[in-house]
Protein backbone atom coordinates (compact mmCIF):
# COMPACT_ATOMS: atom_id res chain seq x y z
CA LEU A 1 0.00 0.00 0.00
CA ARG A 2 2.98 2.31 0.27
CA GLY A 3 2.58 5.35 -1.95
CA LEU A 4 -0.96 4.44 -2.91
CA HIS A 5 -3.53 7.22 -2.98
CA LEU A 6 -6.73 5.86 -1.52
CA GLY A 7 -9.19 7.96 -3.48
CA SER A 8 -11.39 10.66 -2.05
CA LYS A 9 -10.52 12.33 1.18
CA ASP A 10 -13.46 10.85 3.07
CA ARG A 11 -14.23 7.41 1.58
CA SER A 12 -11.86 4.80 0.24
CA SER A 13 -12.68 1.32 -0.94
CA LEU A 14 -10.02 -0.98 -2.23
CA SER A 15 -11.97 -4.18 -1.68
CA SER A 16 -11.09 -7.31 -3.64
CA ASN A 17 -7.99 -5.93 -5.35
CA TYR A 18 -5.44 -8.59 -4.35
CA ILE A 19 -3.46 -5.93 -2.47
CA MET A 20 -0.47 -7.43 -0.66
CA GLY A 21 1.67 -6.11 2.15
CA GLU A 22 1.08 -4.23 5.37
CA ILE A 23 -1.17 -1.29 6.13
CA PRO A 24 1.30 1.61 6.51
CA SER A 25 1.27 3.75 9.63
CA THR A 26 1.07 6.76 7.31
CA ILE A 27 -2.64 5.95 7.02
CA SER A 28 -2.94 8.41 9.92
CA GLN A 29 -2.39 11.22 7.41
CA MET A 30 -5.87 10.52 6.05
CA PHE A 31 -7.44 12.04 9.16
CA GLN A 32 -10.66 13.04 7.33
CA LEU A 33 -11.36 9.48 6.24
CA GLN A 34 -14.89 8.38 7.14
CA SER A 35 -14.97 4.96 5.49
CA LEU A 36 -12.08 2.57 4.88
CA SER A 37 -12.73 -0.75 3.14
CA LEU A 38 -9.70 -2.93 2.52
CA ASP A 39 -11.57 -6.21 2.75
CA HIS A 40 -10.92 -9.30 0.61
CA ASN A 41 -7.26 -8.58 -0.08
CA LEU A 42 -3.98 -10.21 0.93
CA LEU A 43 -2.95 -7.74 3.64
CA THR A 44 -0.50 -9.08 6.23
CA GLY A 45 1.07 -7.93 9.46
CA SER A 46 -0.71 -6.22 12.30
CA ILE A 47 -3.30 -3.47 12.16
CA PRO A 48 -1.23 -0.32 12.78
CA ASP A 49 -1.89 1.80 15.86
CA ALA A 50 -2.40 4.69 13.43
CA ILE A 51 -5.87 3.30 12.62
CA GLY A 52 -6.89 4.47 16.09
CA THR A 53 -6.16 8.09 15.16
CA LEU A 54 -8.69 8.20 12.31
CA THR A 55 -11.36 9.75 14.52
CA SER A 56 -13.76 10.51 11.64
CA LEU A 57 -14.13 6.84 10.68
CA THR A 58 -17.67 5.50 10.68
CA VAL A 59 -16.88 2.30 8.74
CA LEU A 60 -13.79 0.12 9.02
CA ASP A 61 -13.70 -3.09 7.00
CA LEU A 62 -10.50 -5.11 7.14
CA SER A 63 -12.19 -8.49 6.83
CA TRP A 64 -10.93 -11.44 4.81
CA ASN A 65 -7.22 -10.63 4.91
CA ARG A 66 -4.21 -12.19 6.64
CA LEU A 67 -3.85 -9.64 9.43
CA ASN A 68 -2.46 -10.88 12.74
CA GLY A 69 -1.70 -9.75 16.26
CA PRO A 70 -3.93 -7.83 18.67
CA LEU A 71 -6.47 -5.21 17.75
CA PRO A 72 -4.87 -1.80 18.36
CA ASN A 73 -6.49 0.73 20.67
CA ILE A 74 -9.46 2.07 18.72
CA THR A 75 -11.33 3.69 21.60
CA GLY A 76 -10.78 7.09 19.96
CA LEU A 77 -12.99 6.09 17.02
CA LYS A 78 -16.12 7.51 18.66
CA GLU A 79 -18.00 7.81 15.33
CA LEU A 80 -17.43 4.18 14.30
CA SER A 81 -20.73 2.45 13.55
CA ARG A 82 -19.56 -0.54 11.48
CA LEU A 83 -16.51 -2.69 12.24
CA PHE A 84 -15.62 -5.76 10.23
CA ILE A 85 -12.35 -7.52 11.06
CA ASP A 86 -13.57 -11.07 10.53
CA HIS A 87 -11.62 -13.83 8.79
CA ASN A 88 -8.12 -12.77 9.83
CA TYR A 89 -5.61 -14.13 12.34
CA LEU A 90 -6.16 -11.52 15.04
CA ASN A 91 -5.79 -12.41 18.72
CA GLY A 92 -6.20 -10.87 22.13
CA THR A 93 -9.21 -9.18 23.66
CA VAL A 94 -11.83 -6.80 22.36
CA ASN A 95 -13.14 -5.42 25.67
CA GLU A 96 -12.63 -1.83 24.52
CA LEU A 97 -15.30 -2.24 21.85
CA SER A 98 -17.89 -1.62 24.57
CA GLU A 99 -16.62 1.98 24.73
CA LEU A 100 -17.65 2.59 21.11
CA THR A 101 -21.25 3.56 21.76
CA LYS A 102 -22.17 4.19 18.10
CA LEU A 103 -21.27 0.67 16.96
CA GLU A 104 -24.27 -0.90 15.24
CA GLU A 105 -22.63 -3.71 13.24
CA VAL A 106 -19.61 -5.74 14.33
CA ASP A 107 -18.11 -8.91 12.92
CA ILE A 108 -15.01 -10.26 14.63
CA SER A 109 -15.64 -13.93 13.78
CA ASN A 110 -13.01 -16.36 12.56
CA ASN A 111 -10.15 -14.89 14.57
CA ASP A 112 -8.58 -15.85 17.92
CA LEU A 113 -10.28 -12.99 19.78
């Protein structure tokens, strides 16, 4: 994903594009992003802590990738209403999701959470 421009400043969908590699921490520079869909790709590595700084996000879809490790702190994503991280290799706990009061849809299945 390095050097890739993700489209409009508020919504980016790169679903089902066979994208390989890690999500760069520079994703934090897209601070106006409201929707990020990177599902159904070949993304590896952990979800960067920088995801937690995208405070305008309402939708985050990282499902059906090869992401691993714990879910980073996303308690700052107060506008998040849809979270899909299913079908990865994530582990750890998700207790902090209870702090996201606007969450309406969540899928964390098929992980070690």
